[in-house]
Amino acid sequence: LGREGYDPHANCMKTALPYLDRFCTAHT
């Protein structure tokens, strides 16, 4: 999610997004 140009609507994340209460990334 933190990478430039990443589109979550281009893969299975498009199916998952309506059910998510939070969609984020964590590295630290």
mmCIF file of all heavy atoms, coordinates in Angstrom:
data_MODEL
# 
_entry.id   MODEL 
# 
loop_
_atom_site.group_PDB 
_atom_site.id 
_atom_site.type_symbol 
_atom_site.label_atom_id 
_atom_site.label_alt_id 
_atom_site.label_comp_id 
_atom_site.label_asym_id 
_atom_site.label_entity_id 
_atom_site.label_seq_id 
_atom_site.pdbx_PDB_ins_code 
_atom_site.Cartn_x 
_atom_site.Cartn_y 
_atom_site.Cartn_z 
_atom_site.occupancy 
_atom_site.B_iso_or_equiv 
_atom_site.pdbx_formal_charge 
_atom_site.auth_seq_id 
_atom_site.auth_comp_id 
_atom_site.auth_asym_id 
_atom_site.auth_atom_id 
_atom_site.pdbx_PDB_model_num 
ATOM 1   N N   . LEU A 1 1  ? 0.811   -1.210  0.000   1.00 0.00 ? 1  LEU A N   1 
ATOM 2   C CA  . LEU A 1 1  ? 0.000   0.000   0.000   1.00 0.00 ? 1  LEU A CA  1 
ATOM 3   C C   . LEU A 1 1  ? 0.845   1.260   0.000   1.00 0.00 ? 1  LEU A C   1 
ATOM 4   O O   . LEU A 1 1  ? 0.431   2.280   -0.553  1.00 0.00 ? 1  LEU A O   1 
ATOM 5   C CB  . LEU A 1 1  ? -0.931  -0.013  1.221   1.00 0.00 ? 1  LEU A CB  1 
ATOM 6   C CG  . LEU A 1 1  ? -1.996  1.083   1.286   1.00 0.00 ? 1  LEU A CG  1 
ATOM 7   C CD1 . LEU A 1 1  ? -2.919  1.001   0.077   1.00 0.00 ? 1  LEU A CD1 1 
ATOM 8   C CD2 . LEU A 1 1  ? -2.807  0.970   2.572   1.00 0.00 ? 1  LEU A CD2 1 
ATOM 9   N N   . GLY A 1 2  ? 2.019   1.208   0.611   1.00 0.00 ? 2  GLY A N   1 
ATOM 10  C CA  . GLY A 1 2  ? 2.862   2.390   0.663   1.00 0.00 ? 2  GLY A CA  1 
ATOM 11  C C   . GLY A 1 2  ? 3.697   2.621   -0.578  1.00 0.00 ? 2  GLY A C   1 
ATOM 12  O O   . GLY A 1 2  ? 4.398   3.651   -0.673  1.00 0.00 ? 2  GLY A O   1 
ATOM 13  N N   . ARG A 1 3  ? 3.675   1.728   -1.546  1.00 0.00 ? 3  ARG A N   1 
ATOM 14  C CA  . ARG A 1 3  ? 4.477   1.882   -2.757  1.00 0.00 ? 3  ARG A CA  1 
ATOM 15  C C   . ARG A 1 3  ? 3.800   2.818   -3.753  1.00 0.00 ? 3  ARG A C   1 
ATOM 16  O O   . ARG A 1 3  ? 2.580   2.842   -3.884  1.00 0.00 ? 3  ARG A O   1 
ATOM 17  C CB  . ARG A 1 3  ? 4.719   0.520   -3.405  1.00 0.00 ? 3  ARG A CB  1 
ATOM 18  C CG  . ARG A 1 3  ? 5.546   -0.419  -2.551  1.00 0.00 ? 3  ARG A CG  1 
ATOM 19  C CD  . ARG A 1 3  ? 5.896   -1.683  -3.310  1.00 0.00 ? 3  ARG A CD  1 
ATOM 20  N NE  . ARG A 1 3  ? 6.696   -2.587  -2.499  1.00 0.00 ? 3  ARG A NE  1 
ATOM 21  C CZ  . ARG A 1 3  ? 7.164   -3.757  -2.922  1.00 0.00 ? 3  ARG A CZ  1 
ATOM 22  N NH1 . ARG A 1 3  ? 6.892   -4.156  -4.164  1.00 0.00 ? 3  ARG A NH1 1 
ATOM 23  N NH2 . ARG A 1 3  ? 7.881   -4.514  -2.124  1.00 0.00 ? 3  ARG A NH2 1 
ATOM 24  N N   . GLU A 1 4  ? 4.611   3.555   -4.446  1.00 0.00 ? 4  GLU A N   1 
ATOM 25  C CA  . GLU A 1 4  ? 4.093   4.519   -5.412  1.00 0.00 ? 4  GLU A CA  1 
ATOM 26  C C   . GLU A 1 4  ? 3.485   3.783   -6.612  1.00 0.00 ? 4  GLU A C   1 
ATOM 27  O O   . GLU A 1 4  ? 4.076   2.872   -7.167  1.00 0.00 ? 4  GLU A O   1 
ATOM 28  C CB  . GLU A 1 4  ? 5.223   5.441   -5.879  1.00 0.00 ? 4  GLU A CB  1 
ATOM 29  C CG  . GLU A 1 4  ? 4.774   6.543   -6.814  1.00 0.00 ? 4  GLU A CG  1 
ATOM 30  C CD  . GLU A 1 4  ? 5.913   7.454   -7.216  1.00 0.00 ? 4  GLU A CD  1 
ATOM 31  O OE1 . GLU A 1 4  ? 7.044   7.238   -6.717  1.00 0.00 ? 4  GLU A OE1 1 
ATOM 32  O OE2 . GLU A 1 4  ? 5.682   8.368   -8.026  1.00 0.00 ? 4  GLU A OE2 1 
ATOM 33  N N   . GLY A 1 5  ? 2.307   4.205   -6.997  1.00 0.00 ? 5  GLY A N   1 
ATOM 34  C CA  . GLY A 1 5  ? 1.634   3.611   -8.140  1.00 0.00 ? 5  GLY A CA  1 
ATOM 35  C C   . GLY A 1 5  ? 0.835   2.367   -7.842  1.00 0.00 ? 5  GLY A C   1 
ATOM 36  O O   . GLY A 1 5  ? 0.255   1.781   -8.768  1.00 0.00 ? 5  GLY A O   1 
ATOM 37  N N   . TYR A 1 6  ? 0.761   1.946   -6.567  1.00 0.00 ? 6  TYR A N   1 
ATOM 38  C CA  . TYR A 1 6  ? 0.007   0.743   -6.250  1.00 0.00 ? 6  TYR A CA  1 
ATOM 39  C C   . TYR A 1 6  ? -1.488  1.042   -6.309  1.00 0.00 ? 6  TYR A C   1 
ATOM 40  O O   . TYR A 1 6  ? -1.963  2.039   -5.737  1.00 0.00 ? 6  TYR A O   1 
ATOM 41  C CB  . TYR A 1 6  ? 0.376   0.220   -4.857  1.00 0.00 ? 6  TYR A CB  1 
ATOM 42  C CG  . TYR A 1 6  ? -0.495  -0.921  -4.393  1.00 0.00 ? 6  TYR A CG  1 
ATOM 43  C CD1 . TYR A 1 6  ? -0.400  -2.184  -4.977  1.00 0.00 ? 6  TYR A CD1 1 
ATOM 44  C CD2 . TYR A 1 6  ? -1.429  -0.733  -3.375  1.00 0.00 ? 6  TYR A CD2 1 
ATOM 45  C CE1 . TYR A 1 6  ? -1.202  -3.228  -4.556  1.00 0.00 ? 6  TYR A CE1 1 
ATOM 46  C CE2 . TYR A 1 6  ? -2.234  -1.775  -2.943  1.00 0.00 ? 6  TYR A CE2 1 
ATOM 47  C CZ  . TYR A 1 6  ? -2.117  -3.018  -3.537  1.00 0.00 ? 6  TYR A CZ  1 
ATOM 48  O OH  . TYR A 1 6  ? -2.926  -4.039  -3.122  1.00 0.00 ? 6  TYR A OH  1 
ATOM 49  N N   . ASP A 1 7  ? -2.233  0.194   -6.983  1.00 0.00 ? 7  ASP A N   1 
ATOM 50  C CA  . ASP A 1 7  ? -3.678  0.351   -7.134  1.00 0.00 ? 7  ASP A CA  1 
ATOM 51  C C   . ASP A 1 7  ? -4.369  -0.852  -6.513  1.00 0.00 ? 7  ASP A C   1 
ATOM 52  O O   . ASP A 1 7  ? -4.317  -1.951  -7.064  1.00 0.00 ? 7  ASP A O   1 
ATOM 53  C CB  . ASP A 1 7  ? -4.049  0.470   -8.608  1.00 0.00 ? 7  ASP A CB  1 
ATOM 54  C CG  . ASP A 1 7  ? -5.550  0.711   -8.797  1.00 0.00 ? 7  ASP A CG  1 
ATOM 55  O OD1 . ASP A 1 7  ? -6.221  1.025   -7.792  1.00 0.00 ? 7  ASP A OD1 1 
ATOM 56  O OD2 . ASP A 1 7  ? -6.026  0.601   -9.940  1.00 0.00 ? 7  ASP A OD2 1 
ATOM 57  N N   . PRO A 1 8  ? -5.018  -0.690  -5.355  1.00 0.00 ? 8  PRO A N   1 
ATOM 58  C CA  . PRO A 1 8  ? -5.672  -1.845  -4.721  1.00 0.00 ? 8  PRO A CA  1 
ATOM 59  C C   . PRO A 1 8  ? -6.889  -2.347  -5.485  1.00 0.00 ? 8  PRO A C   1 
ATOM 60  O O   . PRO A 1 8  ? -7.415  -3.410  -5.174  1.00 0.00 ? 8  PRO A O   1 
ATOM 61  C CB  . PRO A 1 8  ? -6.074  -1.304  -3.346  1.00 0.00 ? 8  PRO A CB  1 
ATOM 62  C CG  . PRO A 1 8  ? -6.186  0.167   -3.536  1.00 0.00 ? 8  PRO A CG  1 
ATOM 63  C CD  . PRO A 1 8  ? -5.152  0.532   -4.560  1.00 0.00 ? 8  PRO A CD  1 
ATOM 64  N N   . HIS A 1 9  ? -7.359  -1.599  -6.482  1.00 0.00 ? 9  HIS A N   1 
ATOM 65  C CA  . HIS A 1 9  ? -8.532  -2.034  -7.243  1.00 0.00 ? 9  HIS A CA  1 
ATOM 66  C C   . HIS A 1 9  ? -8.156  -2.936  -8.412  1.00 0.00 ? 9  HIS A C   1 
ATOM 67  O O   . HIS A 1 9  ? -9.027  -3.325  -9.185  1.00 0.00 ? 9  HIS A O   1 
ATOM 68  C CB  . HIS A 1 9  ? -9.288  -0.810  -7.762  1.00 0.00 ? 9  HIS A CB  1 
ATOM 69  C CG  . HIS A 1 9  ? -9.812  0.075   -6.685  1.00 0.00 ? 9  HIS A CG  1 
ATOM 70  N ND1 . HIS A 1 9  ? -10.997 -0.157  -6.026  1.00 0.00 ? 9  HIS A ND1 1 
ATOM 71  C CD2 . HIS A 1 9  ? -9.287  1.195   -6.118  1.00 0.00 ? 9  HIS A CD2 1 
ATOM 72  C CE1 . HIS A 1 9  ? -11.195 0.784   -5.119  1.00 0.00 ? 9  HIS A CE1 1 
ATOM 73  N NE2 . HIS A 1 9  ? -10.175 1.622   -5.148  1.00 0.00 ? 9  HIS A NE2 1 
ATOM 74  N N   . ALA A 1 10 ? -6.866  -3.265  -8.559  1.00 0.00 ? 10 ALA A N   1 
ATOM 75  C CA  . ALA A 1 10 ? -6.430  -4.036  -9.717  1.00 0.00 ? 10 ALA A CA  1 
ATOM 76  C C   . ALA A 1 10 ? -6.325  -5.529  -9.435  1.00 0.00 ? 10 ALA A C   1 
ATOM 77  O O   . ALA A 1 10 ? -6.020  -6.294  -10.326 1.00 0.00 ? 10 ALA A O   1 
ATOM 78  C CB  . ALA A 1 10 ? -5.077  -3.521  -10.211 1.00 0.00 ? 10 ALA A CB  1 
ATOM 79  N N   . ASN A 1 11 ? -6.525  -5.976  -8.195  1.00 0.00 ? 11 ASN A N   1 
ATOM 80  C CA  . ASN A 1 11 ? -6.407  -7.401  -7.884  1.00 0.00 ? 11 ASN A CA  1 
ATOM 81  C C   . ASN A 1 11 ? -7.521  -7.797  -6.926  1.00 0.00 ? 11 ASN A C   1 
ATOM 82  O O   . ASN A 1 11 ? -8.585  -7.171  -6.921  1.00 0.00 ? 11 ASN A O   1 
ATOM 83  C CB  . ASN A 1 11 ? -5.021  -7.716  -7.300  1.00 0.00 ? 11 ASN A CB  1 
ATOM 84  C CG  . ASN A 1 11 ? -4.647  -6.758  -6.181  1.00 0.00 ? 11 ASN A CG  1 
ATOM 85  O OD1 . ASN A 1 11 ? -5.525  -6.255  -5.491  1.00 0.00 ? 11 ASN A OD1 1 
ATOM 86  N ND2 . ASN A 1 11 ? -3.373  -6.496  -6.006  1.00 0.00 ? 11 ASN A ND2 1 
ATOM 87  N N   . CYS A 1 12 ? -7.281  -8.805  -6.114  1.00 0.00 ? 12 CYS A N   1 
ATOM 88  C CA  . CYS A 1 12 ? -8.341  -9.300  -5.228  1.00 0.00 ? 12 CYS A CA  1 
ATOM 89  C C   . CYS A 1 12 ? -8.713  -8.288  -4.148  1.00 0.00 ? 12 CYS A C   1 
ATOM 90  O O   . CYS A 1 12 ? -9.757  -8.445  -3.508  1.00 0.00 ? 12 CYS A O   1 
ATOM 91  C CB  . CYS A 1 12 ? -7.908  -10.613 -4.580  1.00 0.00 ? 12 CYS A CB  1 
ATOM 92  S SG  . CYS A 1 12 ? -6.858  -10.420 -3.138  1.00 0.00 ? 12 CYS A SG  1 
ATOM 93  N N   . MET A 1 13 ? -7.892  -7.246  -3.939  1.00 0.00 ? 13 MET A N   1 
ATOM 94  C CA  . MET A 1 13 ? -8.234  -6.238  -2.949  1.00 0.00 ? 13 MET A CA  1 
ATOM 95  C C   . MET A 1 13 ? -9.523  -5.513  -3.319  1.00 0.00 ? 13 MET A C   1 
ATOM 96  O O   . MET A 1 13 ? -10.229 -5.005  -2.440  1.00 0.00 ? 13 MET A O   1 
ATOM 97  C CB  . MET A 1 13 ? -7.093  -5.224  -2.790  1.00 0.00 ? 13 MET A CB  1 
ATOM 98  C CG  . MET A 1 13 ? -5.810  -5.810  -2.232  1.00 0.00 ? 13 MET A CG  1 
ATOM 99  S SD  . MET A 1 13 ? -6.032  -6.748  -0.695  1.00 0.00 ? 13 MET A SD  1 
ATOM 100 C CE  . MET A 1 13 ? -6.889  -5.582  0.330   1.00 0.00 ? 13 MET A CE  1 
ATOM 101 N N   . LYS A 1 14 ? -9.851  -5.476  -4.603  1.00 0.00 ? 14 LYS A N   1 
ATOM 102 C CA  . LYS A 1 14 ? -11.112 -4.870  -5.019  1.00 0.00 ? 14 LYS A CA  1 
ATOM 103 C C   . LYS A 1 14 ? -12.292 -5.623  -4.424  1.00 0.00 ? 14 LYS A C   1 
ATOM 104 O O   . LYS A 1 14 ? -13.305 -5.016  -4.044  1.00 0.00 ? 14 LYS A O   1 
ATOM 105 C CB  . LYS A 1 14 ? -11.198 -4.860  -6.546  1.00 0.00 ? 14 LYS A CB  1 
ATOM 106 C CG  . LYS A 1 14 ? -12.465 -4.243  -7.095  1.00 0.00 ? 14 LYS A CG  1 
ATOM 107 C CD  . LYS A 1 14 ? -12.468 -4.251  -8.605  1.00 0.00 ? 14 LYS A CD  1 
ATOM 108 C CE  . LYS A 1 14 ? -13.753 -3.646  -9.154  1.00 0.00 ? 14 LYS A CE  1 
ATOM 109 N NZ  . LYS A 1 14 ? -13.773 -3.657  -10.652 1.00 0.00 ? 14 LYS A NZ  1 
ATOM 110 N N   . THR A 1 15 ? -12.162 -6.941  -4.304  1.00 0.00 ? 15 THR A N   1 
ATOM 111 C CA  . THR A 1 15 ? -13.208 -7.748  -3.676  1.00 0.00 ? 15 THR A CA  1 
ATOM 112 C C   . THR A 1 15 ? -13.233 -7.570  -2.169  1.00 0.00 ? 15 THR A C   1 
ATOM 113 O O   . THR A 1 15 ? -14.304 -7.603  -1.550  1.00 0.00 ? 15 THR A O   1 
ATOM 114 C CB  . THR A 1 15 ? -12.987 -9.233  -4.019  1.00 0.00 ? 15 THR A CB  1 
ATOM 115 O OG1 . THR A 1 15 ? -12.916 -9.387  -5.433  1.00 0.00 ? 15 THR A OG1 1 
ATOM 116 C CG2 . THR A 1 15 ? -14.101 -10.103 -3.468  1.00 0.00 ? 15 THR A CG2 1 
ATOM 117 N N   . ALA A 1 16 ? -12.062 -7.351  -1.558  1.00 0.00 ? 16 ALA A N   1 
ATOM 118 C CA  . ALA A 1 16 ? -11.972 -7.297  -0.100  1.00 0.00 ? 16 ALA A CA  1 
ATOM 119 C C   . ALA A 1 16 ? -12.335 -5.941  0.481   1.00 0.00 ? 16 ALA A C   1 
ATOM 120 O O   . ALA A 1 16 ? -12.808 -5.869  1.628   1.00 0.00 ? 16 ALA A O   1 
ATOM 121 C CB  . ALA A 1 16 ? -10.555 -7.683  0.335   1.00 0.00 ? 16 ALA A CB  1 
ATOM 122 N N   . LEU A 1 17 ? -12.128 -4.858  -0.251  1.00 0.00 ? 17 LEU A N   1 
ATOM 123 C CA  . LEU A 1 17 ? -12.288 -3.513  0.311   1.00 0.00 ? 17 LEU A CA  1 
ATOM 124 C C   . LEU A 1 17 ? -13.666 -3.246  0.917   1.00 0.00 ? 17 LEU A C   1 
ATOM 125 O O   . LEU A 1 17 ? -13.755 -2.599  1.973   1.00 0.00 ? 17 LEU A O   1 
ATOM 126 C CB  . LEU A 1 17 ? -11.975 -2.468  -0.766  1.00 0.00 ? 17 LEU A CB  1 
ATOM 127 C CG  . LEU A 1 17 ? -10.488 -2.262  -1.089  1.00 0.00 ? 17 LEU A CG  1 
ATOM 128 C CD1 . LEU A 1 17 ? -10.316 -1.289  -2.239  1.00 0.00 ? 17 LEU A CD1 1 
ATOM 129 C CD2 . LEU A 1 17 ? -9.733  -1.770  0.139   1.00 0.00 ? 17 LEU A CD2 1 
ATOM 130 N N   . PRO A 1 18 ? -14.781 -3.685  0.335   1.00 0.00 ? 18 PRO A N   1 
ATOM 131 C CA  . PRO A 1 18 ? -16.083 -3.376  0.960   1.00 0.00 ? 18 PRO A CA  1 
ATOM 132 C C   . PRO A 1 18 ? -16.276 -3.968  2.355   1.00 0.00 ? 18 PRO A C   1 
ATOM 133 O O   . PRO A 1 18 ? -17.132 -3.487  3.099   1.00 0.00 ? 18 PRO A O   1 
ATOM 134 C CB  . PRO A 1 18 ? -17.095 -3.970  -0.029  1.00 0.00 ? 18 PRO A CB  1 
ATOM 135 C CG  . PRO A 1 18 ? -16.379 -4.034  -1.331  1.00 0.00 ? 18 PRO A CG  1 
ATOM 136 C CD  . PRO A 1 18 ? -14.956 -4.334  -0.974  1.00 0.00 ? 18 PRO A CD  1 
ATOM 137 N N   . TYR A 1 19 ? -15.495 -4.977  2.729   1.00 0.00 ? 19 TYR A N   1 
ATOM 138 C CA  . TYR A 1 19 ? -15.675 -5.641  4.019   1.00 0.00 ? 19 TYR A CA  1 
ATOM 139 C C   . TYR A 1 19 ? -14.662 -5.191  5.066   1.00 0.00 ? 19 TYR A C   1 
ATOM 140 O O   . TYR A 1 19 ? -14.715 -5.681  6.199   1.00 0.00 ? 19 TYR A O   1 
ATOM 141 C CB  . TYR A 1 19 ? -15.563 -7.157  3.849   1.00 0.00 ? 19 TYR A CB  1 
ATOM 142 C CG  . TYR A 1 19 ? -16.552 -7.729  2.867   1.00 0.00 ? 19 TYR A CG  1 
ATOM 143 C CD1 . TYR A 1 19 ? -16.154 -8.110  1.596   1.00 0.00 ? 19 TYR A CD1 1 
ATOM 144 C CD2 . TYR A 1 19 ? -17.884 -7.886  3.209   1.00 0.00 ? 19 TYR A CD2 1 
ATOM 145 C CE1 . TYR A 1 19 ? -17.054 -8.637  0.685   1.00 0.00 ? 19 TYR A CE1 1 
ATOM 146 C CE2 . TYR A 1 19 ? -18.801 -8.410  2.308   1.00 0.00 ? 19 TYR A CE2 1 
ATOM 147 C CZ  . TYR A 1 19 ? -18.381 -8.777  1.043   1.00 0.00 ? 19 TYR A CZ  1 
ATOM 148 O OH  . TYR A 1 19 ? -19.274 -9.291  0.144   1.00 0.00 ? 19 TYR A OH  1 
ATOM 149 N N   . LEU A 1 20 ? -13.770 -4.296  4.734   1.00 0.00 ? 20 LEU A N   1 
ATOM 150 C CA  . LEU A 1 20 ? -12.685 -3.930  5.646   1.00 0.00 ? 20 LEU A CA  1 
ATOM 151 C C   . LEU A 1 20 ? -13.061 -2.714  6.474   1.00 0.00 ? 20 LEU A C   1 
ATOM 152 O O   . LEU A 1 20 ? -13.562 -1.713  5.943   1.00 0.00 ? 20 LEU A O   1 
ATOM 153 C CB  . LEU A 1 20 ? -11.400 -3.643  4.845   1.00 0.00 ? 20 LEU A CB  1 
ATOM 154 C CG  . LEU A 1 20 ? -10.896 -4.779  3.944   1.00 0.00 ? 20 LEU A CG  1 
ATOM 155 C CD1 . LEU A 1 20 ? -9.588  -4.380  3.269   1.00 0.00 ? 20 LEU A CD1 1 
ATOM 156 C CD2 . LEU A 1 20 ? -10.722 -6.066  4.734   1.00 0.00 ? 20 LEU A CD2 1 
ATOM 157 N N   . ASP A 1 21 ? -12.807 -2.799  7.787   1.00 0.00 ? 21 ASP A N   1 
ATOM 158 C CA  . ASP A 1 21 ? -12.969 -1.649  8.669   1.00 0.00 ? 21 ASP A CA  1 
ATOM 159 C C   . ASP A 1 21 ? -11.734 -0.761  8.654   1.00 0.00 ? 21 ASP A C   1 
ATOM 160 O O   . ASP A 1 21 ? -11.840 0.429   8.968   1.00 0.00 ? 21 ASP A O   1 
ATOM 161 C CB  . ASP A 1 21 ? -13.239 -2.126  10.097  1.00 0.00 ? 21 ASP A CB  1 
ATOM 162 C CG  . ASP A 1 21 ? -14.543 -2.895  10.202  1.00 0.00 ? 21 ASP A CG  1 
ATOM 163 O OD1 . ASP A 1 21 ? -15.608 -2.266  10.174  1.00 0.00 ? 21 ASP A OD1 1 
ATOM 164 O OD2 . ASP A 1 21 ? -14.491 -4.137  10.286  1.00 0.00 ? 21 ASP A OD2 1 
ATOM 165 N N   . ARG A 1 22 ? -10.607 -1.341  8.312   1.00 0.00 ? 22 ARG A N   1 
ATOM 166 C CA  . ARG A 1 22 ? -9.375  -0.547  8.160   1.00 0.00 ? 22 ARG A CA  1 
ATOM 167 C C   . ARG A 1 22 ? -8.459  -1.240  7.167   1.00 0.00 ? 22 ARG A C   1 
ATOM 168 O O   . ARG A 1 22 ? -8.216  -2.441  7.272   1.00 0.00 ? 22 ARG A O   1 
ATOM 169 C CB  . ARG A 1 22 ? -8.674  -0.360  9.503   1.00 0.00 ? 22 ARG A CB  1 
ATOM 170 C CG  . ARG A 1 22 ? -7.333  0.371   9.407   1.00 0.00 ? 22 ARG A CG  1 
ATOM 171 C CD  . ARG A 1 22 ? -6.887  0.915   10.748  1.00 0.00 ? 22 ARG A CD  1 
ATOM 172 N NE  . ARG A 1 22 ? -7.807  1.944   11.227  1.00 0.00 ? 22 ARG A NE  1 
ATOM 173 C CZ  . ARG A 1 22 ? -7.671  2.585   12.395  1.00 0.00 ? 22 ARG A CZ  1 
ATOM 174 N NH1 . ARG A 1 22 ? -6.650  2.271   13.184  1.00 0.00 ? 22 ARG A NH1 1 
ATOM 175 N NH2 . ARG A 1 22 ? -8.531  3.509   12.767  1.00 0.00 ? 22 ARG A NH2 1 
ATOM 176 N N   . PHE A 1 23 ? -7.960  -0.466  6.213   1.00 0.00 ? 23 PHE A N   1 
ATOM 177 C CA  . PHE A 1 23 ? -7.039  -0.959  5.195   1.00 0.00 ? 23 PHE A CA  1 
ATOM 178 C C   . PHE A 1 23 ? -5.789  -0.089  5.247   1.00 0.00 ? 23 PHE A C   1 
ATOM 179 O O   . PHE A 1 23 ? -5.820  1.099   4.921   1.00 0.00 ? 23 PHE A O   1 
ATOM 180 C CB  . PHE A 1 23 ? -7.687  -0.886  3.813   1.00 0.00 ? 23 PHE A CB  1 
ATOM 181 C CG  . PHE A 1 23 ? -6.804  -1.373  2.686   1.00 0.00 ? 23 PHE A CG  1 
ATOM 182 C CD1 . PHE A 1 23 ? -6.143  -2.583  2.782   1.00 0.00 ? 23 PHE A CD1 1 
ATOM 183 C CD2 . PHE A 1 23 ? -6.641  -0.610  1.544   1.00 0.00 ? 23 PHE A CD2 1 
ATOM 184 C CE1 . PHE A 1 23 ? -5.339  -3.036  1.760   1.00 0.00 ? 23 PHE A CE1 1 
ATOM 185 C CE2 . PHE A 1 23 ? -5.844  -1.054  0.504   1.00 0.00 ? 23 PHE A CE2 1 
ATOM 186 C CZ  . PHE A 1 23 ? -5.196  -2.266  0.623   1.00 0.00 ? 23 PHE A CZ  1 
ATOM 187 N N   . CYS A 1 24 ? -4.686  -0.682  5.710   1.00 0.00 ? 24 CYS A N   1 
ATOM 188 C CA  . CYS A 1 24 ? -3.482  0.111   5.957   1.00 0.00 ? 24 CYS A CA  1 
ATOM 189 C C   . CYS A 1 24 ? -2.258  -0.775  5.792   1.00 0.00 ? 24 CYS A C   1 
ATOM 190 O O   . CYS A 1 24 ? -2.342  -1.943  5.432   1.00 0.00 ? 24 CYS A O   1 
ATOM 191 C CB  . CYS A 1 24 ? -3.526  0.730   7.354   1.00 0.00 ? 24 CYS A CB  1 
ATOM 192 S SG  . CYS A 1 24 ? -3.670  -0.485  8.687   1.00 0.00 ? 24 CYS A SG  1 
ATOM 193 N N   . THR A 1 25 ? -1.105  -0.183  6.065   1.00 0.00 ? 25 THR A N   1 
ATOM 194 C CA  . THR A 1 25 ? 0.159   -0.904  6.065   1.00 0.00 ? 25 THR A CA  1 
ATOM 195 C C   . THR A 1 25 ? 0.910   -0.572  7.335   1.00 0.00 ? 25 THR A C   1 
ATOM 196 O O   . THR A 1 25 ? 0.647   0.462   7.983   1.00 0.00 ? 25 THR A O   1 
ATOM 197 C CB  . THR A 1 25 ? 1.005   -0.521  4.839   1.00 0.00 ? 25 THR A CB  1 
ATOM 198 O OG1 . THR A 1 25 ? 2.206   -1.310  4.822   1.00 0.00 ? 25 THR A OG1 1 
ATOM 199 C CG2 . THR A 1 25 ? 1.380   0.953   4.862   1.00 0.00 ? 25 THR A CG2 1 
ATOM 200 N N   . ALA A 1 26 ? 1.823   -1.439  7.739   1.00 0.00 ? 26 ALA A N   1 
ATOM 201 C CA  . ALA A 1 26 ? 2.609   -1.234  8.954   1.00 0.00 ? 26 ALA A CA  1 
ATOM 202 C C   . ALA A 1 26 ? 3.974   -1.874  8.760   1.00 0.00 ? 26 ALA A C   1 
ATOM 203 O O   . ALA A 1 26 ? 4.065   -3.060  8.441   1.00 0.00 ? 26 ALA A O   1 
ATOM 204 C CB  . ALA A 1 26 ? 1.904   -1.822  10.169  1.00 0.00 ? 26 ALA A CB  1 
ATOM 205 N N   . HIS A 1 27 ? 5.029   -1.062  8.938   1.00 0.00 ? 27 HIS A N   1 
ATOM 206 C CA  . HIS A 1 27 ? 6.396   -1.549  8.788   1.00 0.00 ? 27 HIS A CA  1 
ATOM 207 C C   . HIS A 1 27 ? 7.233   -1.352  10.045  1.00 0.00 ? 27 HIS A C   1 
ATOM 208 O O   . HIS A 1 27 ? 8.251   -2.019  10.218  1.00 0.00 ? 27 HIS A O   1 
ATOM 209 C CB  . HIS A 1 27 ? 7.081   -0.840  7.613   1.00 0.00 ? 27 HIS A CB  1 
ATOM 210 C CG  . HIS A 1 27 ? 6.456   -1.133  6.281   1.00 0.00 ? 27 HIS A CG  1 
ATOM 211 N ND1 . HIS A 1 27 ? 6.771   -2.258  5.547   1.00 0.00 ? 27 HIS A ND1 1 
ATOM 212 C CD2 . HIS A 1 27 ? 5.526   -0.461  5.570   1.00 0.00 ? 27 HIS A CD2 1 
ATOM 213 C CE1 . HIS A 1 27 ? 6.062   -2.260  4.425   1.00 0.00 ? 27 HIS A CE1 1 
ATOM 214 N NE2 . HIS A 1 27 ? 5.299   -1.191  4.409   1.00 0.00 ? 27 HIS A NE2 1 
ATOM 215 N N   . THR A 1 28 ? 6.823   -0.449  10.912  1.00 0.00 ? 28 THR A N   1 
ATOM 216 C CA  . THR A 1 28 ? 7.577   -0.143  12.127  1.00 0.00 ? 28 THR A CA  1 
ATOM 217 C C   . THR A 1 28 ? 6.724   -0.472  13.349  1.00 0.00 ? 28 THR A C   1 
ATOM 218 O O   . THR A 1 28 ? 5.480   -0.565  13.249  1.00 0.00 ? 28 THR A O   1 
ATOM 219 C CB  . THR A 1 28 ? 7.983   1.336   12.159  1.00 0.00 ? 28 THR A CB  1 
ATOM 220 O OG1 . THR A 1 28 ? 6.789   2.147   12.197  1.00 0.00 ? 28 THR A OG1 1 
ATOM 221 C CG2 . THR A 1 28 ? 8.796   1.691   10.918  1.00 0.00 ? 28 THR A CG2 1 
# 
